[in-house]
N, C-alpha and C. Protein backbone atom coordinates (compact mmCIF):
# COMPACT_ATOMS: atom_id res chain seq x y z
N MET A 1 0.53 -1.37 -0.28
CA MET A 1 0.74 0.09 0.16
C MET A 1 1.03 1.44 0.13
N ASP A 2 0.77 2.08 -0.70
CA ASP A 2 1.69 3.47 -0.88
C ASP A 2 1.21 4.49 -0.22
N GLU A 3 1.48 5.47 -0.14
CA GLU A 3 1.26 6.89 1.11
C GLU A 3 -0.25 6.79 0.98
N ARG A 4 -0.95 7.31 -0.86
CA ARG A 4 -2.35 7.63 -0.69
C ARG A 4 -3.00 7.12 -0.77
N GLU A 5 -2.56 5.35 -0.58
CA GLU A 5 -4.00 4.59 -0.45
C GLU A 5 -3.55 4.00 1.26
N ILE A 6 -2.84 4.54 1.66
CA ILE A 6 -2.77 4.83 3.42
C ILE A 6 -3.68 5.50 3.87
N HIS A 7 -3.52 6.69 3.32
CA HIS A 7 -4.20 8.62 3.29
C HIS A 7 -5.50 8.21 3.19
N GLU A 8 -6.01 7.52 2.44
CA GLU A 8 -7.16 7.44 1.93
C GLU A 8 -8.69 6.13 2.97
N LYS A 9 -7.53 5.30 3.08
CA LYS A 9 -7.99 3.90 4.32
C LYS A 9 -8.52 5.08 5.72
N TYR A 10 -7.89 5.82 5.39
CA TYR A 10 -8.00 6.59 7.00
C TYR A 10 -8.80 7.65 7.07
N VAL A 11 -8.84 8.41 5.92
CA VAL A 11 -10.07 9.60 5.33
C VAL A 11 -10.96 8.66 5.61
N THR A 12 -10.86 7.64 4.88
CA THR A 12 -12.50 6.62 5.17
C THR A 12 -12.76 5.91 6.42
N LEU A 13 -12.10 5.72 7.01
CA LEU A 13 -12.63 5.88 8.36
C LEU A 13 -12.89 7.04 9.24
N PHE A 14 -12.05 8.10 8.94
CA PHE A 14 -12.87 9.43 9.78
C PHE A 14 -14.01 9.47 9.23
N ASP A 15 -14.15 9.37 8.06
CA ASP A 15 -15.36 9.96 7.12
C ASP A 15 -16.91 8.74 8.19
N GLN A 16 -16.36 7.79 8.70
CA GLN A 16 -17.33 7.14 9.02
C GLN A 16 -17.48 7.50 10.61
N LEU A 17 -16.71 7.83 11.43
CA LEU A 17 -16.52 8.09 12.55
C LEU A 17 -17.48 9.68 12.29
N LYS A 18 -16.79 10.63 11.82
CA LYS A 18 -17.88 11.67 11.60
C LYS A 18 -19.24 11.48 11.41
N PHE A 19 -19.57 10.39 10.52
CA PHE A 19 -21.05 10.18 10.44
C PHE A 19 -21.63 9.37 11.88
N MET A 20 -20.98 8.79 12.29
CA MET A 20 -21.36 8.65 13.37
C MET A 20 -21.65 9.62 14.56
N ILE A 21 -20.98 10.75 14.24
CA ILE A 21 -21.06 12.19 15.96
C ILE A 21 -22.06 12.34 14.91
N GLU A 22 -22.11 12.58 14.18
CA GLU A 22 -23.53 13.38 13.24
C GLU A 22 -24.69 12.64 13.84
N ASN A 23 -24.39 10.87 13.42
CA ASN A 23 -26.00 10.83 14.24
C ASN A 23 -25.97 10.87 15.57
N THR A 24 -24.96 11.09 16.03
CA THR A 24 -25.04 10.85 17.50
C THR A 24 -25.71 12.60 18.05
N HIS A 25 -25.58 13.08 17.63
CA HIS A 25 -25.63 15.15 18.04
C HIS A 25 -27.18 14.71 17.54
N SER A 26 -27.73 14.33 16.07
CA SER A 26 -29.33 14.44 15.76
C SER A 26 -29.86 13.75 16.76
N ARG A 27 -29.58 12.73 16.80
CA ARG A 27 -30.38 11.95 18.27
C ARG A 27 -30.98 12.95 19.02
N VAL A 28 -29.74 13.26 19.54
CA VAL A 28 -29.57 13.84 21.17
C VAL A 28 -30.36 15.60 20.83
N ILE A 29 -30.61 16.09 19.92
CA ILE A 29 -31.46 17.56 19.21
C ILE A 29 -32.87 17.34 18.87
N ALA A 30 -32.51 15.91 18.36
CA ALA A 30 -34.38 16.03 17.86
C ALA A 30 -35.02 16.05 19.19
N SER A 31 -36.64 16.83 18.20
CA SER A 31 -37.66 17.35 19.72
C SER A 31 -38.09 16.10 20.33
N ASP A 32 -37.87 14.54 19.48
CA ASP A 32 -37.81 13.42 20.76
C ASP A 32 -36.19 12.63 20.78
N SER A 33 -35.85 13.69 21.27
CA SER A 33 -34.18 13.25 20.99
C SER A 33 -34.63 12.15 22.70
N ASP A 34 -33.29 11.00 21.73
CA ASP A 34 -33.04 9.17 21.92
C ASP A 34 -32.52 9.16 23.88
N PRO A 35 -33.35 9.07 24.71
CA PRO A 35 -32.75 8.84 26.37
C PRO A 35 -31.65 8.09 26.03
N LEU A 36 -30.80 6.87 25.24
CA LEU A 36 -29.79 6.48 25.54
C LEU A 36 -28.61 7.38 25.18
N PHE A 37 -28.99 8.27 24.11
CA PHE A 37 -27.79 9.01 23.87
C PHE A 37 -27.52 10.16 24.49
N GLU A 38 -28.87 10.68 24.93
CA GLU A 38 -29.19 12.14 25.71
C GLU A 38 -28.43 11.75 27.09
N GLU A 39 -28.89 10.48 27.17
CA GLU A 39 -28.32 10.41 29.27
C GLU A 39 -26.56 9.89 29.62
N ASN A 40 -26.27 9.65 27.88
CA ASN A 40 -24.68 8.92 28.18
C ASN A 40 -24.12 10.13 26.54
N ILE A 41 -24.13 11.26 26.66
CA ILE A 41 -24.03 12.35 25.56
C ILE A 41 -22.58 12.24 25.87
N ASN A 42 -21.77 12.56 27.43
CA ASN A 42 -20.60 12.49 27.83
C ASN A 42 -19.80 10.78 27.54
N PHE A 43 -19.95 9.74 27.46
CA PHE A 43 -19.98 8.78 27.31
C PHE A 43 -19.32 8.83 25.98
N PHE A 44 -20.04 8.90 25.17
CA PHE A 44 -20.22 8.91 23.25
C PHE A 44 -18.81 10.03 22.95
N ALA A 45 -18.97 11.40 23.80
CA ALA A 45 -17.85 11.89 23.58
C ALA A 45 -16.46 11.45 24.00
N LYS A 46 -16.12 10.85 24.79
CA LYS A 46 -15.23 10.28 25.67
C LYS A 46 -15.28 9.61 24.23
N SER A 47 -16.22 8.51 23.79
CA SER A 47 -15.47 7.03 23.15
C SER A 47 -14.62 8.16 21.55
N PHE A 48 -15.79 8.48 21.18
CA PHE A 48 -15.06 9.89 19.81
C PHE A 48 -13.70 9.93 19.96
N LEU A 49 -13.88 11.06 20.77
CA LEU A 49 -12.39 11.42 20.91
C LEU A 49 -11.30 10.25 21.39
N ILE A 50 -11.54 9.41 22.27
CA ILE A 50 -10.88 7.97 21.97
C ILE A 50 -10.03 7.48 20.79
N SER A 51 -11.26 7.19 20.43
CA SER A 51 -11.45 6.56 18.45
C SER A 51 -10.57 7.73 17.44
N MET A 52 -11.31 8.19 17.67
CA MET A 52 -10.25 9.52 16.41
C MET A 52 -8.03 9.64 16.51
N CYS A 53 -8.14 9.68 18.11
CA CYS A 53 -6.88 9.52 18.51
C CYS A 53 -6.22 8.49 18.04
N ALA A 54 -7.03 7.33 18.23
CA ALA A 54 -6.29 5.70 17.86
C ALA A 54 -6.30 5.46 16.50
N TYR A 55 -7.20 5.82 16.10
CA TYR A 55 -7.03 6.16 14.33
C TYR A 55 -5.71 6.95 13.81
N LEU A 56 -5.87 8.13 14.27
CA LEU A 56 -4.40 8.64 13.98
C LEU A 56 -2.86 8.17 14.22
N GLU A 57 -3.28 7.66 15.71
CA GLU A 57 -1.70 6.51 15.41
C GLU A 57 -1.42 5.49 14.95
N SER A 58 -2.55 4.65 14.41
CA SER A 58 -2.60 3.89 13.09
C SER A 58 -2.11 3.96 12.57
N TYR A 59 -3.32 5.42 12.05
CA TYR A 59 -2.48 6.00 10.82
C TYR A 59 -0.61 6.30 10.56
N LEU A 60 -0.61 7.20 11.56
CA LEU A 60 0.99 6.92 11.89
C LEU A 60 2.32 6.31 11.82
N LYS A 61 1.46 5.26 12.22
CA LYS A 61 2.37 4.10 12.63
C LYS A 61 1.95 2.99 11.13
N ASP A 62 1.13 3.09 9.73
CA ASP A 62 1.27 2.57 8.61
C ASP A 62 1.98 3.77 7.48
N ILE A 63 1.67 5.02 7.67
CA ILE A 63 2.65 6.24 7.20
C ILE A 63 3.80 5.99 7.20
N ALA A 64 4.36 6.05 8.56
CA ALA A 64 5.69 5.56 8.94
C ALA A 64 6.64 4.78 8.38
N PHE A 65 5.68 3.54 8.30
CA PHE A 65 6.15 2.14 7.81
C PHE A 65 6.60 2.68 6.79
N SER A 66 5.36 2.81 5.89
CA SER A 66 5.85 2.82 4.43
C SER A 66 7.02 3.62 3.84
N ARG A 67 7.09 4.89 4.86
CA ARG A 67 8.35 5.60 4.72
C ARG A 67 9.73 4.17 4.69
N ILE A 68 9.82 3.27 5.64
CA ILE A 68 10.96 3.06 6.29
C ILE A 68 10.83 1.39 4.55
N LYS A 69 9.83 1.02 4.94
CA LYS A 69 9.94 0.38 3.59
C LYS A 69 10.15 0.85 1.96
N ARG A 70 10.13 1.72 1.89
CA ARG A 70 10.80 2.46 0.84
C ARG A 70 12.24 3.11 0.60
N VAL A 71 12.13 3.56 1.74
CA VAL A 71 14.12 3.28 2.09
C VAL A 71 14.62 1.87 1.37
N ASP A 72 13.98 0.94 2.21
CA ASP A 72 14.75 -0.13 2.23
C ASP A 72 14.83 -0.62 0.74
N GLU A 73 13.48 -0.42 -0.21
CA GLU A 73 13.38 -1.09 -1.62
C GLU A 73 14.17 0.04 -2.20
N LYS A 74 14.80 1.27 -2.08
CA LYS A 74 15.99 1.89 -2.56
C LYS A 74 17.26 1.41 -2.47
N LEU A 75 17.29 1.14 -1.27
CA LEU A 75 18.82 0.57 -0.82
C LEU A 75 18.84 -0.85 -1.34
N ALA A 76 17.99 -1.83 -1.93
CA ALA A 76 18.03 -3.30 -2.28
C ALA A 76 18.44 -2.84 -3.83
N GLN A 77 17.94 -1.58 -4.44
CA GLN A 77 18.62 -1.55 -5.57
C GLN A 77 20.00 -1.06 -6.05
N ILE A 78 20.70 -0.96 -4.86
CA ILE A 78 22.04 -0.17 -4.89
C ILE A 78 22.92 -0.96 -4.23
N SER A 79 23.86 -1.55 -4.09
CA SER A 79 25.07 -1.94 -3.64
C SER A 79 25.87 -0.50 -2.26
N ILE A 80 25.08 -0.84 -1.56
CA ILE A 80 25.75 -0.30 -0.31
C ILE A 80 26.76 -1.16 0.74
N PRO A 81 27.82 -1.16 1.12
CA PRO A 81 28.16 -2.03 1.78
C PRO A 81 28.40 -1.64 3.50
N TYR A 82 27.53 -2.69 4.00
CA TYR A 82 26.95 -2.21 5.45
C TYR A 82 28.46 -1.93 6.45
N ASN A 83 29.60 -2.47 6.01
CA ASN A 83 30.82 -2.70 6.97
C ASN A 83 31.21 -0.82 6.74
N LEU A 84 31.16 -0.14 5.12
CA LEU A 84 31.10 1.03 4.79
C LEU A 84 30.29 2.06 5.48
N VAL A 85 29.24 1.73 5.65
CA VAL A 85 28.42 2.86 6.39
C VAL A 85 28.62 2.51 8.07
N ARG A 86 28.97 2.01 8.30
CA ARG A 86 28.86 1.61 10.00
C ARG A 86 30.30 2.08 10.04
N TRP A 87 31.63 2.40 9.67
CA TRP A 87 32.72 3.07 9.45
C TRP A 87 32.40 4.19 9.58
N GLU A 88 31.71 4.99 8.76
CA GLU A 88 31.01 6.50 8.77
C GLU A 88 30.75 6.71 10.00
N ILE A 89 30.00 5.69 10.22
CA ILE A 89 28.55 6.23 11.12
C ILE A 89 29.77 6.44 12.37
N LEU A 90 30.98 5.61 13.07
CA LEU A 90 31.57 5.39 14.13
C LEU A 90 33.55 5.79 14.23
N ARG A 91 33.28 6.33 12.83
CA ARG A 91 34.33 7.67 12.55
C ARG A 91 35.18 7.75 13.08
N PRO A 92 34.20 8.73 13.76
CA PRO A 92 34.57 9.89 15.09
C PRO A 92 34.93 8.53 16.41
N LYS A 93 34.49 7.76 16.53
CA LYS A 93 35.03 6.74 17.62
C LYS A 93 36.41 6.24 17.27
N GLU A 94 36.20 5.73 15.86
CA GLU A 94 37.45 5.28 14.95
C GLU A 94 37.88 3.29 15.98
N LYS A 95 36.58 3.12 16.72
CA LYS A 95 36.51 2.13 17.12
C LYS A 95 35.96 0.57 16.30
N ILE A 96 36.78 0.49 15.42
CA ILE A 96 35.15 -0.62 14.42
C ILE A 96 36.13 -1.97 14.27
N GLU A 97 36.30 -2.29 15.04
CA GLU A 97 37.01 -3.67 14.85
C GLU A 97 35.96 -5.07 15.17
N GLU A 98 35.04 -4.63 15.50
CA GLU A 98 34.31 -5.85 15.90
C GLU A 98 33.29 -5.45 14.96
N GLY A 99 32.49 -6.41 14.29
CA GLY A 99 30.65 -6.62 14.45
C GLY A 99 30.57 -7.03 12.40
N PHE A 100 31.68 -7.17 12.34
CA PHE A 100 31.95 -6.67 10.62
C PHE A 100 30.46 -7.62 9.79
N ARG A 101 30.14 -7.14 8.91
CA ARG A 101 28.95 -8.18 8.10
C ARG A 101 29.57 -7.93 7.01
N PHE A 102 29.53 -8.44 6.04
CA PHE A 102 29.53 -8.13 4.75
C PHE A 102 28.74 -8.50 4.12
N GLN A 103 28.12 -7.49 3.69
CA GLN A 103 26.66 -7.59 3.33
C GLN A 103 26.67 -6.16 3.04
N ASP A 104 24.92 -6.07 1.88
CA ASP A 104 24.70 -5.06 1.55
C ASP A 104 23.94 -4.10 3.17
N LEU A 105 23.92 -3.03 2.86
CA LEU A 105 22.88 -2.59 3.76
C LEU A 105 21.75 -3.03 3.92
N ARG A 106 21.13 -3.03 4.71
CA ARG A 106 19.23 -2.84 4.69
C ARG A 106 18.95 -2.16 6.03
N VAL A 107 17.46 -2.25 5.96
CA VAL A 107 16.33 -1.52 7.11
C VAL A 107 15.91 -3.06 7.44
N SER A 108 16.30 -3.03 8.81
CA SER A 108 15.58 -4.24 9.23
C SER A 108 14.24 -3.75 10.28
N ILE A 109 14.02 -3.05 10.46
CA ILE A 109 13.44 -2.45 11.42
C ILE A 109 11.28 -2.55 10.95
N LYS A 110 11.28 -3.58 11.89
CA LYS A 110 9.50 -3.95 11.67
C LYS A 110 8.39 -3.22 11.67
N LYS A 111 7.28 -3.42 11.26
CA LYS A 111 6.43 -2.39 12.64
C LYS A 111 6.07 -2.55 13.91
N LYS A 112 6.45 -3.35 14.27
CA LYS A 112 6.13 -3.75 15.43
C LYS A 112 7.30 -2.85 16.60
N ASP A 113 8.15 -2.36 15.52
CA ASP A 113 9.05 -1.85 16.49
C ASP A 113 8.96 -0.26 16.43
N LEU A 114 7.78 0.21 15.74
CA LEU A 114 7.42 1.39 15.97
C LEU A 114 6.52 1.69 16.89
N ASP A 115 6.04 1.21 17.33
CA ASP A 115 5.09 0.88 18.72
C ASP A 115 5.23 2.33 19.89
N ASP A 116 6.60 1.74 20.20
CA ASP A 116 7.26 2.46 21.58
C ASP A 116 7.31 3.66 20.99
N HIS A 117 7.46 4.44 19.09
CA HIS A 117 8.10 5.73 19.22
C HIS A 117 6.56 6.54 18.59
N ILE A 118 5.31 5.66 18.60
CA ILE A 118 3.78 6.24 17.80
C ILE A 118 3.16 6.80 18.84
N SER A 119 2.39 8.16 18.50
CA SER A 119 2.44 8.43 19.34
C SER A 119 1.11 9.79 18.88
N ALA A 120 0.08 10.13 19.04
CA ALA A 120 -0.42 11.32 18.35
C ALA A 120 -0.38 12.51 18.47
N ASN A 121 0.52 12.57 19.71
CA ASN A 121 1.06 13.84 20.58
C ASN A 121 2.23 14.23 19.36
N PRO A 122 2.06 15.57 18.70
CA PRO A 122 2.62 15.82 17.20
C PRO A 122 4.20 15.89 17.45
N TYR A 123 4.22 16.58 18.63
CA TYR A 123 5.59 16.91 19.23
C TYR A 123 6.79 14.84 18.93
N ARG A 124 5.78 14.04 19.63
CA ARG A 124 6.58 12.59 19.04
C ARG A 124 6.25 12.65 18.58
N THR A 125 5.52 13.01 16.97
CA THR A 125 5.24 12.07 16.30
C THR A 125 6.54 12.94 14.91
N GLU A 126 6.89 14.48 15.47
CA GLU A 126 7.66 14.96 14.83
C GLU A 126 9.39 14.60 14.96
N SER A 127 9.64 14.01 16.29
CA SER A 127 10.45 13.33 16.56
C SER A 127 10.96 12.08 16.08
N LEU A 128 9.53 11.36 15.67
CA LEU A 128 9.64 9.69 15.06
C LEU A 128 10.49 10.12 13.36
N PHE A 129 9.56 10.87 13.23
CA PHE A 129 10.32 11.68 11.80
C PHE A 129 11.45 11.76 11.47
N LYS A 130 11.76 12.39 12.55
CA LYS A 130 13.19 13.07 12.05
C LYS A 130 13.79 11.70 11.87
N ARG A 131 13.98 10.22 12.71
CA ARG A 131 14.56 9.23 12.29
C ARG A 131 14.36 8.66 11.29
N LEU A 132 13.57 9.12 10.42
CA LEU A 132 12.76 8.37 9.16
C LEU A 132 13.60 8.94 8.23
N GLY A 133 14.51 10.59 8.48
CA GLY A 133 15.19 11.43 8.09
C GLY A 133 14.35 12.43 7.08
N ILE A 134 12.94 12.80 8.04
CA ILE A 134 11.76 13.72 7.02
C ILE A 134 11.89 14.56 8.11
N ASP A 135 11.66 15.79 8.07
CA ASP A 135 11.97 17.22 8.89
C ASP A 135 10.34 18.05 8.61
N LEU A 136 8.89 17.50 9.03
CA LEU A 136 7.90 17.66 9.56
C LEU A 136 7.77 19.49 9.60
N PRO A 137 8.39 19.54 10.97
CA PRO A 137 8.26 21.26 11.10
C PRO A 137 8.82 22.02 9.63
N LYS A 138 9.33 21.64 8.99
CA LYS A 138 9.55 22.57 7.95
C LYS A 138 8.52 22.43 6.52
N SER A 139 7.53 21.98 7.06
CA SER A 139 6.05 22.17 6.34
C SER A 139 5.64 23.49 7.07
N GLY A 140 5.41 24.14 6.59
CA GLY A 140 4.96 25.32 7.51
C GLY A 140 3.31 24.74 7.59
N GLU A 141 2.41 24.15 6.95
CA GLU A 141 1.13 23.76 7.28
C GLU A 141 1.27 23.00 8.44
N PHE A 142 2.38 21.90 8.55
CA PHE A 142 2.00 21.14 9.60
C PHE A 142 2.33 21.66 11.08
N ASN A 143 3.31 23.11 10.85
CA ASN A 143 3.47 23.78 12.27
C ASN A 143 1.87 24.39 12.61
N SER A 144 1.00 24.60 11.54
CA SER A 144 0.01 25.28 11.34
C SER A 144 -1.26 24.60 12.01
N LYS A 145 -1.38 23.15 11.72
CA LYS A 145 -1.90 21.93 12.92
C LYS A 145 -1.39 21.90 13.88
N ARG A 146 -0.51 21.69 14.48
CA ARG A 146 0.19 21.64 15.61
C ARG A 146 -0.34 21.48 16.85
N ASP A 147 -0.20 22.65 17.18
CA ASP A 147 -0.94 23.04 18.41
C ASP A 147 -2.59 22.82 18.68
N LEU A 148 -3.36 22.94 17.78
CA LEU A 148 -4.64 21.97 17.46
C LEU A 148 -4.89 20.92 17.82
N VAL A 149 -3.70 19.68 17.40
CA VAL A 149 -4.20 18.72 17.39
C VAL A 149 -3.23 18.08 18.68
N THR A 150 -2.05 19.31 19.35
CA THR A 150 -1.64 18.80 20.31
C THR A 150 -2.52 19.28 21.94
N SER A 151 -3.60 19.97 21.76
CA SER A 151 -4.68 20.07 22.59
C SER A 151 -5.80 19.22 22.19
N ILE A 152 -5.76 18.61 21.61
CA ILE A 152 -7.00 17.62 21.01
C ILE A 152 -6.65 16.60 21.44
N VAL A 153 -5.10 15.97 21.44
CA VAL A 153 -4.62 14.62 21.97
C VAL A 153 -4.20 14.85 23.56
N ALA A 154 -3.83 16.03 23.85
CA ALA A 154 -4.14 16.34 25.98
C ALA A 154 -4.95 16.17 26.29
N LYS A 155 -6.42 16.59 25.51
CA LYS A 155 -7.57 16.14 26.24
C LYS A 155 -7.29 14.90 26.06
N ARG A 156 -7.52 14.22 25.18
CA ARG A 156 -7.74 12.51 25.20
C ARG A 156 -7.02 12.03 26.50
N ASN A 157 -5.79 12.63 26.39
CA ASN A 157 -4.57 12.11 27.48
C ASN A 157 -5.90 11.79 28.80
N LYS A 158 -6.29 13.04 28.94
CA LYS A 158 -6.68 13.58 30.56
C LYS A 158 -8.32 12.36 30.57
N ILE A 159 -8.56 11.91 29.64
CA ILE A 159 -9.66 11.24 29.37
C ILE A 159 -9.23 10.15 29.65
N VAL A 160 -8.13 9.27 29.49
CA VAL A 160 -8.12 7.81 29.47
C VAL A 160 -7.21 7.91 30.45
N HIS A 161 -6.29 8.70 31.09
CA HIS A 161 -5.29 8.74 32.32
C HIS A 161 -6.25 9.35 33.63
N HIS A 162 -6.48 10.17 33.42
CA HIS A 162 -6.92 11.10 34.89
C HIS A 162 -8.75 10.60 35.02
N ASN A 163 -9.38 10.02 33.71
CA ASN A 163 -11.17 9.76 33.93
C ASN A 163 -11.83 11.26 33.98
N ASP A 164 -10.96 12.07 33.28
CA ASP A 164 -11.57 13.68 33.00
C ASP A 164 -12.52 13.21 32.44
N SER A 165 -13.53 14.19 32.41
CA SER A 165 -15.11 14.85 31.87
C SER A 165 -14.71 15.28 30.49
N ALA A 166 -15.27 14.76 29.60
CA ALA A 166 -15.64 15.31 28.45
C ALA A 166 -16.86 16.33 27.71
N SER A 167 -17.43 17.02 29.00
CA SER A 167 -17.98 17.98 29.18
C SER A 167 -18.05 18.99 28.33
N ASP A 168 -16.91 19.58 27.97
CA ASP A 168 -17.01 20.91 27.52
C ASP A 168 -16.64 20.40 26.02
N ILE A 169 -16.69 19.05 25.38
CA ILE A 169 -16.28 18.89 24.25
C ILE A 169 -18.13 18.74 23.87
N SER A 170 -18.24 19.38 22.84
CA SER A 170 -19.56 19.05 21.64
C SER A 170 -19.38 18.12 20.53
N MET A 171 -20.64 17.75 20.40
CA MET A 171 -20.23 16.37 18.72
C MET A 171 -19.52 17.69 17.71
N ILE A 172 -20.27 18.96 17.62
CA ILE A 172 -19.81 19.69 16.49
C ILE A 172 -18.20 20.37 16.88
N ASP A 173 -17.78 20.17 18.35
CA ASP A 173 -16.40 20.15 18.33
C ASP A 173 -15.25 18.92 17.55
N LEU A 174 -16.39 18.11 18.14
CA LEU A 174 -15.49 16.52 17.46
C LEU A 174 -15.60 16.47 15.70
N HIS A 175 -16.91 16.85 15.55
CA HIS A 175 -16.82 17.01 13.89
C HIS A 175 -15.91 17.83 13.27
N LEU A 176 -15.26 18.68 13.88
CA LEU A 176 -14.33 20.08 13.57
C LEU A 176 -12.62 19.09 14.02
N TYR A 177 -12.94 18.78 14.64
CA TYR A 177 -11.41 17.81 15.18
C TYR A 177 -10.97 16.71 14.08
N VAL A 178 -12.10 16.01 13.99
CA VAL A 178 -12.44 15.27 12.57
C VAL A 178 -12.00 15.63 11.53
N ASP A 179 -12.57 16.87 11.22
CA ASP A 179 -11.64 17.51 9.50
C ASP A 179 -10.64 17.94 10.00
N SER A 180 -9.66 18.62 11.00
CA SER A 180 -9.00 18.90 11.69
C SER A 180 -7.77 17.93 11.59
N PHE A 181 -8.14 17.03 11.65
CA PHE A 181 -6.91 15.54 11.82
C PHE A 181 -6.93 15.17 10.49
N VAL A 182 -7.67 14.71 9.05
CA VAL A 182 -7.74 14.64 8.35
C VAL A 182 -6.88 15.92 7.66
N GLU A 183 -6.92 17.29 7.42
CA GLU A 183 -5.74 18.04 7.47
C GLU A 183 -4.64 17.91 7.62
N TYR A 184 -4.63 16.96 8.70
CA TYR A 184 -2.99 17.12 9.03
C TYR A 184 -2.68 16.31 8.95
N MET A 185 -3.57 14.67 8.46
CA MET A 185 -3.02 13.46 7.57
C MET A 185 -2.36 14.03 6.54
N GLU A 186 -3.67 14.74 5.88
CA GLU A 186 -3.20 15.17 4.19
C GLU A 186 -1.76 15.73 4.07
N ILE A 187 -1.05 16.56 4.93
CA ILE A 187 0.20 17.58 5.50
C ILE A 187 1.35 16.34 5.41
N ILE A 188 1.01 15.49 6.55
CA ILE A 188 1.76 14.43 6.87
C ILE A 188 2.40 13.55 5.53
N THR A 189 0.72 13.00 4.84
CA THR A 189 1.25 12.10 3.93
C THR A 189 1.98 12.98 2.42
N SER A 190 1.39 14.18 2.59
CA SER A 190 2.53 15.06 0.80
C SER A 190 3.96 15.25 1.38
N VAL A 191 4.42 15.08 2.86
CA VAL A 191 5.96 15.65 2.64
C VAL A 191 6.68 13.85 2.92
N VAL A 192 5.81 12.76 3.17
CA VAL A 192 6.32 11.46 3.09
C VAL A 192 6.10 10.88 1.28
N GLU A 193 5.34 11.67 0.51
CA GLU A 193 4.80 11.22 -0.57
C GLU A 193 6.11 12.05 -1.32
N GLN A 194 6.35 13.30 -1.05
CA GLN A 194 7.55 14.09 -1.57
C GLN A 194 8.90 13.33 -1.12
N GLU A 195 9.06 13.01 0.08
CA GLU A 195 10.36 12.39 0.06
C GLU A 195 10.84 11.30 -0.39
N ASN A 196 9.56 9.86 -0.36
CA ASN A 196 9.54 9.10 -1.03
C ASN A 196 10.35 9.32 -2.28
N SER A 197 9.77 10.41 -3.56
CA SER A 197 10.22 10.31 -4.64
C SER A 197 11.04 10.90 -4.87
N ARG A 198 11.92 10.84 -3.67
CA ARG A 198 13.00 11.55 -4.27
C ARG A 198 14.20 10.42 -4.83
N GLN A 199 14.64 10.33 -5.75
CA GLN A 199 15.47 9.54 -6.30
C GLN A 199 17.22 9.12 -5.06
């Protein structure tokens, strides 16, 4: 799956979530409102916010791994000796008498290896993508969304870790959050596509 396919997969998930948010909102504001939704609106808001951040984290894992796979594919097309790269990296220390491998350089990072680095928090996302050779803050668009995404994730963290109320979040807010997350993903997808297309 390429970057755009990954992006579209998650846009579809966010569209489905937005539909559920709209449906919940309609049931609450209707003249004959549904008591199940009306009495549990806070629970629904929390659930939607948590789901939204989970979708974002899954997207980040998939798009980051697509970058890793693309770099490994490029390495496979050319022959770069592992030992030469190791020497260059360790040169300041000049101690490379052990650990020689007589093979080409490849990236062996697996998708599960990303788990400890994945977070919906933009600052942690930025840190992960630096490891992948991508400078997200270089994109002014990324910077313009960072504070909003950070505040949404902070609210989710308060709910998950401190059982905070979601009473200050409306269904309309959640709808806007989904749109913001989709825009944020578009920014990241575009940057990754651009980097992956470099020769």
